Amino acid sequence: MNDHTHDDLPDPALQARLRALPLERVPPARVWEQIAAQLPAPAVASAEPTSHARRSRRRWPLRVGLGLAAGLAVLMVVPTAPPPAPAPAANPLQQQADVIASEYQQAIATLPTGTVGSDWQPTLHELDSSAASIRAAIAENPRSRYLLGQLQRTYSLRLELTQQALSAAGLPS
């Protein structure tokens, strides 16, 4: 605004009138009523709930902490039975190995029950031993897809050699 004081004015009568003016002027009540009518209603009504909401926001960690402490105290005082141990979930690879073994057993069951020559016995026995070792390895490392593939190849080879041995013995396969 203007940095001049009333003393800078050339007219002393004007200076006297300006000094006689009140320092602060309050608008009449009707002006305040008009201003209040133009204000949005929630702004006027929300002054008190805002401070209340701010206070309750500051208190929620305290309430949560007290609730947790009370819950912990109840758990410490009230005896509870330990939760039952969950049944071991069957591993999908172990289940697939069981399916492969079952299919192998079914395929062997369809072959004639004749005896194979003694020259085939060590090889077939070695394949049976390998299959058992692979099954044990799958039980130890149930996430190894490689072992599952090896088991499948071993059973396929065992079945193929059994069919060849039966054909060599003159039995239909």
N, C-alpha and C. Protein backbone atom coordinates (compact mmCIF):
# COMPACT_ATOMS: atom_id res chain seq x y z
N MET A 1 0.82 -1.18 0.00
CA MET A 1 0.00 0.00 0.00
C MET A 1 0.86 1.24 0.00
N ASN A 2 0.34 2.27 0.51
CA ASN A 2 1.01 3.55 0.50
C ASN A 2 1.80 3.72 1.79
N ASP A 3 3.07 4.13 1.70
CA ASP A 3 3.89 4.30 2.89
C ASP A 3 3.71 5.67 3.56
N HIS A 4 2.84 6.48 3.02
CA HIS A 4 2.64 7.83 3.57
C HIS A 4 1.82 7.74 4.84
N THR A 5 2.12 8.59 5.75
CA THR A 5 1.29 8.71 6.95
C THR A 5 0.36 9.89 6.75
N HIS A 6 -0.53 10.08 7.70
CA HIS A 6 -1.50 11.18 7.59
C HIS A 6 -0.81 12.53 7.66
N ASP A 7 0.37 12.56 8.24
CA ASP A 7 1.08 13.83 8.40
C ASP A 7 1.62 14.35 7.07
N ASP A 8 1.71 13.50 6.06
CA ASP A 8 2.24 13.91 4.77
C ASP A 8 1.21 14.67 3.94
N LEU A 9 -0.05 14.65 4.35
CA LEU A 9 -1.09 15.30 3.57
C LEU A 9 -1.00 16.83 3.75
N PRO A 10 -1.23 17.57 2.68
CA PRO A 10 -1.09 19.04 2.79
C PRO A 10 -2.25 19.69 3.53
N ASP A 11 -3.40 19.08 3.56
CA ASP A 11 -4.58 19.72 4.15
C ASP A 11 -4.71 19.30 5.62
N PRO A 12 -4.59 20.20 6.57
CA PRO A 12 -4.72 19.84 7.98
C PRO A 12 -6.14 19.41 8.35
N ALA A 13 -7.17 19.91 7.67
CA ALA A 13 -8.55 19.51 7.97
C ALA A 13 -8.76 18.06 7.57
N LEU A 14 -8.19 17.69 6.44
CA LEU A 14 -8.28 16.29 5.99
C LEU A 14 -7.53 15.39 6.95
N GLN A 15 -6.42 15.83 7.43
CA GLN A 15 -5.64 15.06 8.39
C GLN A 15 -6.44 14.83 9.66
N ALA A 16 -7.15 15.83 10.13
CA ALA A 16 -7.94 15.71 11.35
C ALA A 16 -9.07 14.73 11.16
N ARG A 17 -9.73 14.78 9.99
CA ARG A 17 -10.84 13.85 9.72
C ARG A 17 -10.32 12.41 9.64
N LEU A 18 -9.16 12.20 9.02
CA LEU A 18 -8.61 10.85 8.92
C LEU A 18 -8.22 10.31 10.29
N ARG A 19 -7.73 11.14 11.15
CA ARG A 19 -7.39 10.70 12.50
C ARG A 19 -8.62 10.34 13.30
N ALA A 20 -9.73 10.94 12.98
CA ALA A 20 -10.97 10.68 13.70
C ALA A 20 -11.61 9.35 13.29
N LEU A 21 -11.19 8.80 12.16
CA LEU A 21 -11.74 7.50 11.70
C LEU A 21 -11.30 6.40 12.66
N PRO A 22 -12.16 5.40 12.85
CA PRO A 22 -11.76 4.28 13.72
C PRO A 22 -10.64 3.47 13.04
N LEU A 23 -9.78 2.87 13.84
CA LEU A 23 -8.67 2.09 13.30
C LEU A 23 -9.15 0.78 12.65
N GLU A 24 -10.23 0.25 13.16
CA GLU A 24 -10.74 -1.01 12.64
C GLU A 24 -12.22 -0.86 12.39
N ARG A 25 -12.69 -1.36 11.26
CA ARG A 25 -14.09 -1.24 10.94
C ARG A 25 -14.72 -2.61 10.87
N VAL A 26 -15.81 -2.81 11.59
CA VAL A 26 -16.52 -4.08 11.62
C VAL A 26 -17.74 -3.97 10.72
N PRO A 27 -17.90 -4.90 9.78
CA PRO A 27 -19.07 -4.84 8.91
C PRO A 27 -20.34 -5.11 9.71
N PRO A 28 -21.48 -4.60 9.23
CA PRO A 28 -22.74 -4.83 9.93
C PRO A 28 -23.11 -6.32 9.91
N ALA A 29 -24.03 -6.71 10.78
CA ALA A 29 -24.43 -8.12 10.93
C ALA A 29 -25.00 -8.68 9.64
N ARG A 30 -25.72 -7.90 8.86
CA ARG A 30 -26.33 -8.42 7.63
C ARG A 30 -25.26 -8.84 6.62
N VAL A 31 -24.11 -8.17 6.63
CA VAL A 31 -23.01 -8.55 5.74
C VAL A 31 -22.50 -9.94 6.13
N TRP A 32 -22.36 -10.16 7.45
CA TRP A 32 -21.90 -11.47 7.92
C TRP A 32 -22.92 -12.55 7.56
N GLU A 33 -24.19 -12.24 7.64
CA GLU A 33 -25.22 -13.21 7.29
C GLU A 33 -25.13 -13.57 5.81
N GLN A 34 -24.88 -12.57 4.96
CA GLN A 34 -24.74 -12.85 3.53
C GLN A 34 -23.50 -13.71 3.25
N ILE A 35 -22.43 -13.44 3.93
CA ILE A 35 -21.21 -14.23 3.74
C ILE A 35 -21.46 -15.67 4.19
N ALA A 36 -22.10 -15.84 5.34
CA ALA A 36 -22.39 -17.17 5.85
C ALA A 36 -23.30 -17.95 4.90
N ALA A 37 -24.24 -17.28 4.26
CA ALA A 37 -25.15 -17.95 3.33
C ALA A 37 -24.40 -18.43 2.09
N GLN A 38 -23.36 -17.74 1.70
CA GLN A 38 -22.60 -18.11 0.51
C GLN A 38 -21.58 -19.22 0.78
N LEU A 39 -21.22 -19.44 2.02
CA LEU A 39 -20.27 -20.51 2.36
C LEU A 39 -20.95 -21.87 2.25
N PRO A 40 -20.21 -22.88 1.79
CA PRO A 40 -20.80 -24.22 1.75
C PRO A 40 -21.02 -24.73 3.18
N ALA A 41 -22.12 -25.45 3.35
CA ALA A 41 -22.52 -25.90 4.69
C ALA A 41 -21.50 -26.84 5.32
N PRO A 42 -20.94 -27.84 4.63
CA PRO A 42 -20.01 -28.75 5.31
C PRO A 42 -18.75 -28.06 5.82
N ALA A 43 -18.31 -26.97 5.16
CA ALA A 43 -17.10 -26.29 5.60
C ALA A 43 -17.31 -25.68 6.98
N VAL A 44 -18.50 -25.14 7.22
CA VAL A 44 -18.79 -24.53 8.51
C VAL A 44 -18.98 -25.60 9.57
N ALA A 45 -19.67 -26.70 9.21
CA ALA A 45 -19.98 -27.73 10.18
C ALA A 45 -18.81 -28.66 10.43
N SER A 46 -17.81 -28.69 9.54
CA SER A 46 -16.75 -29.67 9.69
C SER A 46 -15.59 -29.19 10.55
N ALA A 47 -15.65 -28.00 11.09
CA ALA A 47 -14.53 -27.50 11.87
C ALA A 47 -14.32 -28.35 13.12
N GLU A 48 -15.35 -28.67 13.85
CA GLU A 48 -15.21 -29.46 15.08
C GLU A 48 -14.89 -30.93 14.81
N PRO A 49 -15.58 -31.62 13.87
CA PRO A 49 -15.24 -33.03 13.64
C PRO A 49 -13.82 -33.22 13.14
N THR A 50 -13.25 -32.25 12.46
CA THR A 50 -11.89 -32.41 11.97
C THR A 50 -10.92 -32.53 13.13
N SER A 51 -11.08 -31.69 14.13
CA SER A 51 -10.18 -31.78 15.27
C SER A 51 -10.44 -33.09 16.03
N HIS A 52 -11.70 -33.52 16.08
CA HIS A 52 -12.02 -34.79 16.73
C HIS A 52 -11.42 -35.95 15.95
N ALA A 53 -11.54 -35.89 14.62
CA ALA A 53 -10.97 -36.96 13.79
C ALA A 53 -9.46 -36.99 13.94
N ARG A 54 -8.84 -35.83 14.04
CA ARG A 54 -7.39 -35.78 14.20
C ARG A 54 -6.98 -36.42 15.52
N ARG A 55 -7.76 -36.14 16.58
CA ARG A 55 -7.45 -36.74 17.88
C ARG A 55 -7.63 -38.24 17.85
N SER A 56 -8.71 -38.73 17.20
CA SER A 56 -8.94 -40.17 17.18
C SER A 56 -7.92 -40.86 16.29
N ARG A 57 -7.41 -40.18 15.25
CA ARG A 57 -6.38 -40.77 14.40
C ARG A 57 -5.09 -40.96 15.19
N ARG A 58 -4.82 -40.05 16.11
CA ARG A 58 -3.62 -40.17 16.92
C ARG A 58 -3.76 -41.29 17.95
N ARG A 59 -4.97 -41.63 18.31
CA ARG A 59 -5.18 -42.63 19.36
C ARG A 59 -5.26 -44.06 18.83
N TRP A 60 -5.45 -44.27 17.53
CA TRP A 60 -5.66 -45.64 17.05
C TRP A 60 -4.45 -46.54 17.29
N PRO A 61 -3.19 -46.07 17.18
CA PRO A 61 -2.09 -46.99 17.49
C PRO A 61 -2.12 -47.44 18.95
N LEU A 62 -2.52 -46.54 19.83
CA LEU A 62 -2.62 -46.90 21.23
C LEU A 62 -3.69 -47.97 21.42
N ARG A 63 -4.84 -47.79 20.78
CA ARG A 63 -5.93 -48.76 20.91
C ARG A 63 -5.54 -50.11 20.33
N VAL A 64 -4.88 -50.10 19.19
CA VAL A 64 -4.45 -51.37 18.59
C VAL A 64 -3.44 -52.06 19.49
N GLY A 65 -2.50 -51.31 20.02
CA GLY A 65 -1.49 -51.87 20.91
C GLY A 65 -2.11 -52.47 22.16
N LEU A 66 -3.07 -51.77 22.72
CA LEU A 66 -3.74 -52.30 23.91
C LEU A 66 -4.54 -53.56 23.57
N GLY A 67 -5.18 -53.57 22.41
CA GLY A 67 -5.93 -54.76 21.99
C GLY A 67 -5.02 -55.96 21.79
N LEU A 68 -3.88 -55.73 21.16
CA LEU A 68 -2.92 -56.83 20.97
C LEU A 68 -2.37 -57.33 22.30
N ALA A 69 -2.08 -56.41 23.20
CA ALA A 69 -1.58 -56.81 24.51
C ALA A 69 -2.63 -57.63 25.27
N ALA A 70 -3.88 -57.22 25.18
CA ALA A 70 -4.94 -57.97 25.85
C ALA A 70 -5.10 -59.36 25.23
N GLY A 71 -5.04 -59.43 23.91
CA GLY A 71 -5.13 -60.73 23.24
C GLY A 71 -3.98 -61.64 23.63
N LEU A 72 -2.78 -61.10 23.70
CA LEU A 72 -1.62 -61.89 24.10
C LEU A 72 -1.76 -62.37 25.54
N ALA A 73 -2.28 -61.51 26.40
CA ALA A 73 -2.48 -61.90 27.80
C ALA A 73 -3.47 -63.05 27.89
N VAL A 74 -4.54 -62.99 27.11
CA VAL A 74 -5.52 -64.07 27.12
C VAL A 74 -4.88 -65.37 26.64
N LEU A 75 -4.08 -65.29 25.60
CA LEU A 75 -3.42 -66.49 25.08
C LEU A 75 -2.45 -67.08 26.10
N MET A 76 -1.81 -66.23 26.89
CA MET A 76 -0.87 -66.72 27.88
C MET A 76 -1.58 -67.36 29.08
N VAL A 77 -2.76 -66.89 29.38
CA VAL A 77 -3.48 -67.37 30.56
C VAL A 77 -4.33 -68.60 30.23
N VAL A 78 -5.03 -68.56 29.12
CA VAL A 78 -5.95 -69.64 28.77
C VAL A 78 -5.17 -70.77 28.10
N PRO A 79 -5.23 -71.98 28.68
CA PRO A 79 -4.50 -73.09 28.06
C PRO A 79 -5.20 -73.52 26.76
N THR A 80 -4.40 -73.75 25.76
CA THR A 80 -4.95 -74.21 24.49
C THR A 80 -4.20 -75.45 24.04
N ALA A 81 -4.90 -76.29 23.32
CA ALA A 81 -4.28 -77.48 22.78
C ALA A 81 -3.44 -77.08 21.56
N PRO A 82 -2.31 -77.74 21.36
CA PRO A 82 -1.52 -77.40 20.18
C PRO A 82 -2.29 -77.78 18.92
N PRO A 83 -2.11 -77.03 17.87
CA PRO A 83 -2.83 -77.34 16.65
C PRO A 83 -2.39 -78.71 16.11
N PRO A 84 -3.33 -79.42 15.51
CA PRO A 84 -2.95 -80.73 14.98
C PRO A 84 -1.93 -80.57 13.86
N ALA A 85 -1.00 -81.50 13.81
CA ALA A 85 0.02 -81.45 12.77
C ALA A 85 -0.64 -81.71 11.42
N PRO A 86 -0.36 -80.88 10.45
CA PRO A 86 -0.98 -81.10 9.15
C PRO A 86 -0.47 -82.41 8.53
N ALA A 87 -1.36 -83.07 7.87
CA ALA A 87 -0.97 -84.30 7.19
C ALA A 87 0.01 -83.93 6.09
N PRO A 88 1.06 -84.70 5.96
CA PRO A 88 2.03 -84.36 4.93
C PRO A 88 1.37 -84.41 3.55
N ALA A 89 1.47 -83.31 2.87
CA ALA A 89 0.87 -83.24 1.55
C ALA A 89 1.69 -84.09 0.59
N ALA A 90 0.98 -84.86 -0.19
CA ALA A 90 1.67 -85.71 -1.15
C ALA A 90 2.31 -84.81 -2.21
N ASN A 91 3.55 -85.08 -2.45
CA ASN A 91 4.29 -84.31 -3.44
C ASN A 91 3.81 -84.70 -4.83
N PRO A 92 3.59 -83.72 -5.70
CA PRO A 92 3.13 -84.05 -7.06
C PRO A 92 4.10 -84.97 -7.81
N LEU A 93 5.41 -84.76 -7.65
CA LEU A 93 6.36 -85.64 -8.34
C LEU A 93 6.32 -87.04 -7.76
N GLN A 94 6.14 -87.14 -6.45
CA GLN A 94 6.03 -88.46 -5.82
C GLN A 94 4.77 -89.17 -6.33
N GLN A 95 3.70 -88.42 -6.47
CA GLN A 95 2.46 -89.00 -7.01
C GLN A 95 2.66 -89.46 -8.45
N GLN A 96 3.37 -88.66 -9.25
CA GLN A 96 3.63 -89.07 -10.63
C GLN A 96 4.50 -90.31 -10.67
N ALA A 97 5.47 -90.41 -9.77
CA ALA A 97 6.31 -91.60 -9.71
C ALA A 97 5.47 -92.83 -9.35
N ASP A 98 4.50 -92.64 -8.45
CA ASP A 98 3.60 -93.75 -8.09
C ASP A 98 2.75 -94.17 -9.29
N VAL A 99 2.29 -93.20 -10.06
CA VAL A 99 1.48 -93.50 -11.25
C VAL A 99 2.32 -94.26 -12.27
N ILE A 100 3.55 -93.81 -12.49
CA ILE A 100 4.44 -94.48 -13.44
C ILE A 100 4.69 -95.92 -13.00
N ALA A 101 4.95 -96.11 -11.70
CA ALA A 101 5.20 -97.46 -11.19
C ALA A 101 3.96 -98.33 -11.34
N SER A 102 2.79 -97.76 -11.10
CA SER A 102 1.55 -98.51 -11.25
C SER A 102 1.32 -98.92 -12.70
N GLU A 103 1.58 -97.99 -13.62
CA GLU A 103 1.42 -98.32 -15.04
C GLU A 103 2.41 -99.39 -15.47
N TYR A 104 3.63 -99.33 -14.93
CA TYR A 104 4.63 -100.35 -15.23
C TYR A 104 4.16 -101.72 -14.73
N GLN A 105 3.64 -101.75 -13.50
CA GLN A 105 3.16 -103.02 -12.93
C GLN A 105 2.01 -103.58 -13.77
N GLN A 106 1.13 -102.72 -14.24
CA GLN A 106 0.02 -103.17 -15.08
C GLN A 106 0.53 -103.72 -16.41
N ALA A 107 1.53 -103.08 -16.98
CA ALA A 107 2.08 -103.54 -18.26
C ALA A 107 2.79 -104.88 -18.08
N ILE A 108 3.52 -105.06 -16.99
CA ILE A 108 4.20 -106.33 -16.72
C ILE A 108 3.17 -107.43 -16.49
N ALA A 109 2.04 -107.08 -15.86
CA ALA A 109 1.00 -108.07 -15.58
C ALA A 109 0.37 -108.59 -16.87
N THR A 110 0.39 -107.80 -17.92
CA THR A 110 -0.22 -108.25 -19.19
C THR A 110 0.69 -109.21 -19.97
N LEU A 111 1.96 -109.25 -19.61
CA LEU A 111 2.89 -110.15 -20.31
C LEU A 111 2.70 -111.58 -19.83
N PRO A 112 3.03 -112.56 -20.68
CA PRO A 112 2.92 -113.96 -20.25
C PRO A 112 3.84 -114.24 -19.06
N THR A 113 3.48 -115.21 -18.27
CA THR A 113 4.20 -115.49 -17.03
C THR A 113 5.34 -116.49 -17.21
N GLY A 114 5.82 -116.62 -18.40
CA GLY A 114 6.93 -117.55 -18.65
C GLY A 114 8.22 -117.00 -18.08
N THR A 115 9.17 -117.89 -17.91
CA THR A 115 10.47 -117.47 -17.38
C THR A 115 11.37 -117.06 -18.54
N VAL A 116 12.18 -116.07 -18.26
CA VAL A 116 13.11 -115.58 -19.26
C VAL A 116 14.44 -116.31 -19.07
N GLY A 117 15.25 -116.27 -20.07
CA GLY A 117 16.54 -116.97 -20.01
C GLY A 117 17.45 -116.38 -18.96
N SER A 118 18.39 -117.19 -18.50
CA SER A 118 19.31 -116.76 -17.45
C SER A 118 20.26 -115.67 -17.93
N ASP A 119 20.46 -115.56 -19.22
CA ASP A 119 21.33 -114.51 -19.73
C ASP A 119 20.67 -113.13 -19.62
N TRP A 120 19.37 -113.07 -19.51
CA TRP A 120 18.64 -111.79 -19.36
C TRP A 120 18.49 -111.39 -17.89
N GLN A 121 18.59 -112.34 -16.99
CA GLN A 121 18.31 -112.08 -15.57
C GLN A 121 19.18 -110.98 -14.96
N PRO A 122 20.50 -110.96 -15.15
CA PRO A 122 21.30 -109.90 -14.50
C PRO A 122 20.91 -108.49 -14.98
N THR A 123 20.61 -108.37 -16.27
CA THR A 123 20.24 -107.06 -16.81
C THR A 123 18.90 -106.60 -16.25
N LEU A 124 17.92 -107.51 -16.23
CA LEU A 124 16.60 -107.16 -15.68
C LEU A 124 16.68 -106.85 -14.19
N HIS A 125 17.51 -107.61 -13.48
CA HIS A 125 17.69 -107.37 -12.04
C HIS A 125 18.34 -105.99 -11.82
N GLU A 126 19.32 -105.65 -12.66
CA GLU A 126 19.99 -104.34 -12.56
C GLU A 126 18.99 -103.20 -12.80
N LEU A 127 18.09 -103.35 -13.78
CA LEU A 127 17.08 -102.32 -14.05
C LEU A 127 16.10 -102.20 -12.88
N ASP A 128 15.73 -103.33 -12.27
CA ASP A 128 14.84 -103.28 -11.09
C ASP A 128 15.53 -102.55 -9.94
N SER A 129 16.82 -102.83 -9.76
CA SER A 129 17.58 -102.17 -8.70
C SER A 129 17.69 -100.67 -8.97
N SER A 130 17.92 -100.31 -10.25
CA SER A 130 18.01 -98.88 -10.61
C SER A 130 16.69 -98.18 -10.35
N ALA A 131 15.57 -98.83 -10.69
CA ALA A 131 14.26 -98.22 -10.47
C ALA A 131 14.03 -97.99 -8.97
N ALA A 132 14.42 -98.96 -8.15
CA ALA A 132 14.25 -98.81 -6.69
C ALA A 132 15.12 -97.66 -6.17
N SER A 133 16.36 -97.54 -6.70
CA SER A 133 17.25 -96.45 -6.28
C SER A 133 16.68 -95.09 -6.69
N ILE A 134 16.12 -95.03 -7.89
CA ILE A 134 15.53 -93.77 -8.35
C ILE A 134 14.33 -93.40 -7.51
N ARG A 135 13.51 -94.37 -7.13
CA ARG A 135 12.35 -94.09 -6.26
C ARG A 135 12.81 -93.56 -4.91
N ALA A 136 13.89 -94.13 -4.38
CA ALA A 136 14.43 -93.65 -3.10
C ALA A 136 14.97 -92.22 -3.26
N ALA A 137 15.62 -91.94 -4.39
CA ALA A 137 16.14 -90.60 -4.63
C ALA A 137 15.00 -89.59 -4.77
N ILE A 138 13.91 -90.00 -5.38
CA ILE A 138 12.74 -89.10 -5.50
C ILE A 138 12.16 -88.81 -4.13
N ALA A 139 12.15 -89.82 -3.25
CA ALA A 139 11.65 -89.59 -1.89
C ALA A 139 12.55 -88.61 -1.14
N GLU A 140 13.87 -88.65 -1.40
CA GLU A 140 14.80 -87.72 -0.75
C GLU A 140 14.74 -86.33 -1.35
N ASN A 141 14.59 -86.24 -2.67
CA ASN A 141 14.57 -84.96 -3.37
C ASN A 141 13.31 -84.89 -4.21
N PRO A 142 12.18 -84.59 -3.57
CA PRO A 142 10.89 -84.67 -4.26
C PRO A 142 10.65 -83.58 -5.31
N ARG A 143 11.60 -82.69 -5.52
CA ARG A 143 11.40 -81.64 -6.53
C ARG A 143 12.17 -81.90 -7.82
N SER A 144 12.85 -83.02 -7.91
CA SER A 144 13.71 -83.29 -9.06
C SER A 144 12.92 -83.93 -10.20
N ARG A 145 12.62 -83.14 -11.20
CA ARG A 145 11.93 -83.65 -12.39
C ARG A 145 12.84 -84.58 -13.18
N TYR A 146 14.13 -84.35 -13.08
CA TYR A 146 15.09 -85.20 -13.78
C TYR A 146 14.95 -86.65 -13.32
N LEU A 147 14.84 -86.84 -12.00
CA LEU A 147 14.71 -88.20 -11.47
C LEU A 147 13.43 -88.86 -11.97
N LEU A 148 12.37 -88.09 -12.09
CA LEU A 148 11.11 -88.64 -12.60
C LEU A 148 11.29 -89.12 -14.04
N GLY A 149 11.99 -88.34 -14.85
CA GLY A 149 12.28 -88.75 -16.23
C GLY A 149 13.14 -90.01 -16.27
N GLN A 150 14.14 -90.09 -15.36
CA GLN A 150 14.98 -91.28 -15.30
C GLN A 150 14.17 -92.52 -14.92
N LEU A 151 13.24 -92.35 -13.99
CA LEU A 151 12.40 -93.48 -13.58
C LEU A 151 11.56 -93.96 -14.75
N GLN A 152 11.00 -93.03 -15.47
CA GLN A 152 10.17 -93.40 -16.62
C GLN A 152 11.01 -94.13 -17.68
N ARG A 153 12.22 -93.65 -17.96
CA ARG A 153 13.08 -94.31 -18.94
C ARG A 153 13.49 -95.71 -18.45
N THR A 154 13.77 -95.83 -17.15
CA THR A 154 14.18 -97.13 -16.61
C THR A 154 13.05 -98.15 -16.74
N TYR A 155 11.83 -97.75 -16.38
CA TYR A 155 10.69 -98.67 -16.50
C TYR A 155 10.43 -99.03 -17.97
N SER A 156 10.57 -98.04 -18.87
CA SER A 156 10.37 -98.32 -20.30
C SER A 156 11.40 -99.33 -20.80
N LEU A 157 12.66 -99.12 -20.42
CA LEU A 157 13.71 -100.04 -20.83
C LEU A 157 13.49 -101.43 -20.23
N ARG A 158 13.09 -101.49 -18.98
CA ARG A 158 12.83 -102.78 -18.32
C ARG A 158 11.71 -103.52 -19.04
N LEU A 159 10.65 -102.81 -19.39
CA LEU A 159 9.53 -103.42 -20.09
C LEU A 159 9.95 -103.91 -21.48
N GLU A 160 10.72 -103.09 -22.18
CA GLU A 160 11.18 -103.46 -23.52
C GLU A 160 12.09 -104.69 -23.47
N LEU A 161 13.02 -104.72 -22.51
CA LEU A 161 13.92 -105.87 -22.39
C LEU A 161 13.16 -107.13 -21.97
N THR A 162 12.14 -106.98 -21.13
CA THR A 162 11.33 -108.14 -20.73
C THR A 162 10.62 -108.70 -21.95
N GLN A 163 10.08 -107.83 -22.78
CA GLN A 163 9.41 -108.29 -24.01
C GLN A 163 10.41 -108.99 -24.94
N GLN A 164 11.63 -108.46 -25.06
CA GLN A 164 12.65 -109.10 -25.90
C GLN A 164 13.04 -110.46 -25.34
N ALA A 165 13.13 -110.54 -24.00
CA ALA A 165 13.51 -111.81 -23.38
C ALA A 165 12.42 -112.85 -23.59
N LEU A 166 11.18 -112.41 -23.52
CA LEU A 166 10.08 -113.36 -23.74
C LEU A 166 10.04 -113.78 -25.22
N SER A 167 10.30 -112.90 -26.10
CA SER A 167 10.35 -113.25 -27.52
C SER A 167 11.48 -114.21 -27.81
N ALA A 168 12.63 -114.00 -27.14
CA ALA A 168 13.78 -114.88 -27.33
C ALA A 168 13.49 -116.28 -26.77
N ALA A 169 12.65 -116.32 -25.73
CA ALA A 169 12.30 -117.60 -25.13
C ALA A 169 11.20 -118.30 -25.93
N GLY A 170 10.68 -117.62 -26.93
CA GLY A 170 9.64 -118.20 -27.78
C GLY A 170 8.23 -117.98 -27.25
N LEU A 171 8.08 -117.07 -26.27
CA LEU A 171 6.75 -116.74 -25.74
C LEU A 171 6.22 -115.51 -26.44
N PRO A 172 4.92 -115.43 -26.70
CA PRO A 172 4.37 -114.22 -27.32
C PRO A 172 4.37 -113.07 -26.30
N SER A 173 4.66 -111.88 -26.78
CA SER A 173 4.68 -110.75 -25.85
C SER A 173 3.61 -109.75 -26.22
